[in-house]
Protein backbone atom coordinates (compact mmCIF):
# COMPACT_ATOMS: atom_id res chain seq x y z
CA MET A 1 44.47 38.66 -160.43
CA GLY A 2 44.09 41.92 -158.62
CA GLN A 3 40.95 40.56 -156.94
CA LEU A 4 42.86 37.51 -155.73
CA LYS A 5 45.57 39.61 -154.10
CA LEU A 6 42.96 41.69 -152.43
CA ASN A 7 41.22 38.65 -151.01
CA MET A 8 44.56 37.33 -149.71
CA LYS A 9 45.31 40.60 -147.93
CA ILE A 10 41.87 40.59 -146.39
CA ARG A 11 42.36 37.06 -145.07
CA ILE A 12 45.78 37.96 -143.65
CA LEU A 13 44.34 41.03 -141.91
CA ARG A 14 41.44 39.02 -140.53
CA TRP A 15 43.87 36.35 -139.23
CA ILE A 16 46.06 39.02 -137.62
CA TRP A 17 43.05 40.75 -136.09
CA GLU A 18 41.70 37.43 -134.77
CA TYR A 19 44.97 36.29 -133.07
CA PHE A 20 46.35 39.71 -132.14
CA PRO A 21 44.75 39.74 -128.65
CA TRP A 22 46.31 36.36 -127.83
CA PHE A 23 49.65 37.52 -129.12
CA LEU A 24 49.33 40.64 -126.98
CA VAL A 25 48.48 38.54 -123.90
CA ILE A 26 51.49 36.30 -124.50
CA VAL A 27 53.77 39.31 -124.80
CA LEU A 28 52.37 40.80 -121.59
CA LEU A 29 52.84 37.48 -119.75
CA VAL A 30 56.43 37.24 -120.93
CA LEU A 31 57.10 40.82 -119.83
CA ALA A 32 55.45 40.23 -116.46
CA SER A 33 57.47 37.04 -115.94
CA ASN A 34 60.70 38.84 -116.77
CA ILE A 35 59.83 41.68 -114.43
CA GLY A 36 58.93 39.21 -111.62
CA ILE A 37 62.17 37.32 -112.09
CA MET A 38 64.15 40.57 -112.05
CA LEU A 39 62.42 41.72 -108.86
CA PHE A 40 62.98 38.36 -107.14
CA VAL A 41 66.66 38.34 -108.09
CA LYS A 42 67.06 41.91 -106.88
CA LYS A 43 65.29 41.10 -103.61
CA GLN A 44 67.54 38.10 -103.02
CA ARG A 45 70.59 40.20 -103.77
CA LEU A 46 69.47 42.87 -101.31
CA GLU A 47 68.84 40.27 -98.59
CA ASP A 48 72.26 38.70 -99.19
CA GLU A 49 73.91 42.09 -98.98
CA LYS A 50 72.02 42.83 -95.75
CA ARG A 51 73.07 39.52 -94.16
CA ASN A 52 76.67 40.07 -95.18
CA ALA A 53 76.59 43.56 -93.70
CA ILE A 54 75.22 42.23 -90.39
CA LYS A 55 77.88 39.55 -90.24
CA GLU A 56 80.60 42.11 -90.82
CA GLU A 57 79.24 44.52 -88.20
CA SER A 58 78.70 42.03 -85.32
CA ALA A 59 81.55 39.70 -84.40
CA PRO A 60 80.63 36.21 -83.14
CA VAL A 61 80.24 35.92 -79.37
CA LYS A 62 81.21 32.83 -77.39
CA VAL A 63 78.32 31.59 -75.27
CA ILE A 64 78.61 29.12 -72.37
CA THR A 65 75.45 27.18 -71.66
CA MET A 66 74.47 25.12 -68.66
CA LEU A 67 71.64 22.74 -67.88
CA VAL A 68 69.03 24.39 -65.66
CA GLU A 69 67.62 22.06 -63.02
CA PRO A 70 65.16 22.85 -60.21
CA ARG A 71 66.78 22.86 -56.77
CA GLU A 72 66.16 24.25 -53.32
CA LEU A 73 67.89 27.49 -52.38
CA LYS A 74 68.88 27.88 -48.73
CA ASP A 75 70.23 30.99 -47.08
CA LYS A 76 73.03 30.24 -44.62
CA ILE A 77 74.52 32.64 -42.12
CA ASN A 78 77.62 31.65 -40.15
CA LEU A 79 77.77 33.50 -36.84
CA PRO A 80 79.91 32.92 -33.73
CA ALA A 81 77.94 31.45 -30.86
CA VAL A 82 78.24 29.61 -27.55
CA ILE A 83 76.16 26.45 -27.13
CA GLU A 84 74.50 26.00 -23.78
CA SER A 85 72.31 23.13 -22.72
CA PHE A 86 68.68 23.70 -21.79
CA GLU A 87 69.18 21.52 -18.73
CA ASN A 88 72.42 20.33 -17.12
CA LEU A 89 72.53 16.72 -15.97
CA TRP A 90 75.27 15.19 -13.83
CA VAL A 91 76.02 11.58 -14.71
CA LYS A 92 76.38 9.76 -11.39
CA SER A 93 77.64 6.20 -11.08
CA GLU A 94 75.81 3.82 -8.73
CA VAL A 95 79.04 1.89 -8.14
CA SER A 96 82.60 3.09 -7.54
CA GLY A 97 85.40 2.45 -9.97
CA GLN A 98 87.92 3.95 -12.33
CA VAL A 99 86.68 5.35 -15.65
CA VAL A 100 88.26 3.37 -18.49
CA ASP A 101 86.29 4.65 -21.48
CA ILE A 102 83.97 7.52 -22.51
CA PRO A 103 82.64 6.50 -25.96
CA VAL A 104 80.53 9.64 -26.51
CA LYS A 105 81.91 12.89 -27.90
CA GLU A 106 81.05 16.52 -27.34
CA GLY A 107 78.08 17.63 -29.43
CA GLN A 108 76.91 14.06 -30.04
CA PHE A 109 73.26 13.05 -29.74
CA VAL A 110 72.89 10.05 -27.43
CA LYS A 111 69.95 7.66 -27.70
CA LYS A 112 68.20 6.03 -24.78
CA GLY A 113 70.20 3.04 -23.55
CA GLN A 114 73.44 4.12 -25.26
CA LEU A 115 76.66 3.71 -23.27
CA LEU A 116 77.99 6.96 -21.78
CA VAL A 117 80.79 5.85 -19.43
CA LYS A 118 82.48 2.51 -18.79
CA LEU A 119 84.08 1.75 -15.39
CA GLU A 120 86.75 -0.77 -14.52
CA GLU A 121 84.85 -4.04 -13.99
CA ARG A 122 87.61 -6.51 -13.04
CA ASP A 123 86.94 -6.36 -9.27
CA TYR A 124 83.21 -6.88 -9.81
CA GLU A 125 83.85 -9.85 -12.11
CA LEU A 126 86.10 -11.51 -9.49
CA ARG A 127 83.49 -10.96 -6.76
CA LEU A 128 80.77 -12.41 -9.00
CA GLU A 129 82.88 -15.50 -9.75
CA SER A 130 83.53 -16.05 -6.04
CA ILE A 131 79.85 -15.78 -5.10
CA GLU A 132 78.86 -18.06 -7.99
CA ALA A 133 81.34 -20.70 -6.76
CA ASN A 134 79.95 -20.53 -3.19
CA TYR A 135 76.38 -20.66 -4.50
CA ASN A 136 77.08 -23.75 -6.63
CA LEU A 137 78.75 -25.43 -3.64
CA ALA A 138 75.74 -24.59 -1.47
CA LEU A 139 73.45 -26.14 -4.09
CA LEU A 140 75.42 -29.40 -3.89
CA ASP A 141 75.28 -29.33 -0.08
CA HIS A 142 71.54 -28.67 -0.21
CA GLU A 143 70.99 -31.62 -2.52
CA ARG A 144 73.10 -33.92 -0.33
CA ILE A 145 71.48 -32.82 2.96
CA SER A 146 68.01 -33.10 1.40
CA ASN A 147 68.70 -36.71 0.45
CA LEU A 148 70.02 -37.47 3.94
CA SER A 149 67.06 -35.71 5.54
CA GLU A 150 64.61 -37.80 3.52
CA LYS A 151 66.34 -40.94 4.83
CA GLY A 152 66.23 -39.60 8.39
CA ILE A 153 69.99 -39.36 8.70
CA ALA A 154 70.43 -35.55 8.65
CA ALA A 155 68.74 -33.21 11.08
CA VAL A 156 66.01 -30.86 9.95
CA SER A 157 67.98 -27.92 11.36
CA ASP A 158 70.84 -28.69 8.97
CA LEU A 159 68.40 -28.47 6.07
CA ASP A 160 67.06 -25.17 7.36
CA LYS A 161 70.58 -23.78 7.64
CA ILE A 162 71.51 -24.73 4.09
CA ASN A 163 68.23 -23.24 2.78
CA ALA A 164 68.97 -19.96 4.54
CA GLN A 165 72.51 -20.03 3.18
CA LEU A 166 71.19 -20.56 -0.35
CA LYS A 167 68.85 -17.57 -0.04
CA THR A 168 71.71 -15.39 1.23
CA LEU A 169 74.06 -16.49 -1.55
CA LYS A 170 71.30 -16.04 -4.14
CA SER A 171 70.78 -12.48 -2.96
CA GLN A 172 74.53 -11.79 -3.02
CA LEU A 173 74.73 -13.31 -6.51
CA ASN A 174 72.01 -11.00 -7.86
CA GLU A 175 73.66 -8.05 -6.16
CA ALA A 176 77.04 -8.90 -7.73
CA LYS A 177 75.45 -9.23 -11.20
CA LEU A 178 73.72 -5.87 -10.78
CA ALA A 179 76.95 -4.19 -9.61
CA LEU A 180 78.80 -5.59 -12.64
CA GLU A 181 76.05 -4.35 -14.94
CA ARG A 182 76.22 -0.87 -13.35
CA THR A 183 79.84 -0.46 -14.41
CA ASN A 184 78.31 0.44 -17.81
CA ILE A 185 76.63 3.82 -17.30
CA LYS A 186 73.91 4.29 -19.94
CA ALA A 187 71.59 7.13 -20.93
CA LEU A 188 68.02 6.88 -19.69
CA TYR A 189 66.66 9.04 -22.54
CA LEU A 190 67.73 11.11 -25.54
CA ILE A 191 70.35 13.73 -24.62
CA LEU A 192 72.90 15.99 -26.28
CA VAL A 193 76.42 15.74 -24.90
CA ILE A 194 77.85 19.25 -24.37
CA CYS A 195 80.98 18.41 -22.38
CA SER A 196 82.12 14.81 -22.28
CA ASP A 197 85.60 15.43 -20.86
CA LYS A 198 84.53 16.53 -17.35
CA THR A 199 85.36 14.12 -14.57
CA GLU A 200 82.71 15.26 -12.06
CA PRO A 201 80.07 12.64 -11.22
CA ALA A 202 76.63 13.15 -12.77
CA SER A 203 73.11 11.92 -12.31
CA LEU A 204 70.50 11.04 -14.89
CA SER A 205 66.88 11.26 -13.80
């Protein structure tokens, strides 16, 4: 009986000695886990306290944002000045008449062929109508005398006279058309109008 108890104690000691290292490892792991958890919790608590302290120290600041876009920067300087033309040109009319309109303004750029001054054209229109009427009548006389001359009824001198009259009236008609056209004074090239309210005649070259 005493031998049996001894054998049982020996077995128990052997079992304890065999599994003691594993038990010790488990205990160490549990202790390490607890220590890690405690450190993590403490670290989190310190970080939370730090964030709360920062929030309390610095008040929130309102910030206004704007979209940044690339654009060209230009320096402008406004200074008093007097504008003078590089070359002064006098606008001179080729026909006489009263000025009825000046469509350009001071400081305006004028293109070639643009109207500068308009003259009264009523007298030139009446003269053109009169010459046109005489010319059309001369054409009818020329046609009638030509027919009579071909039949030997009209003299050749009459035909010569009407031909000379037609040439004269044709020349007067072209002159009247040109005079009417010249009542519109136009620019011959690109210019800058400095003073458009002067009444002195001018010439464009």
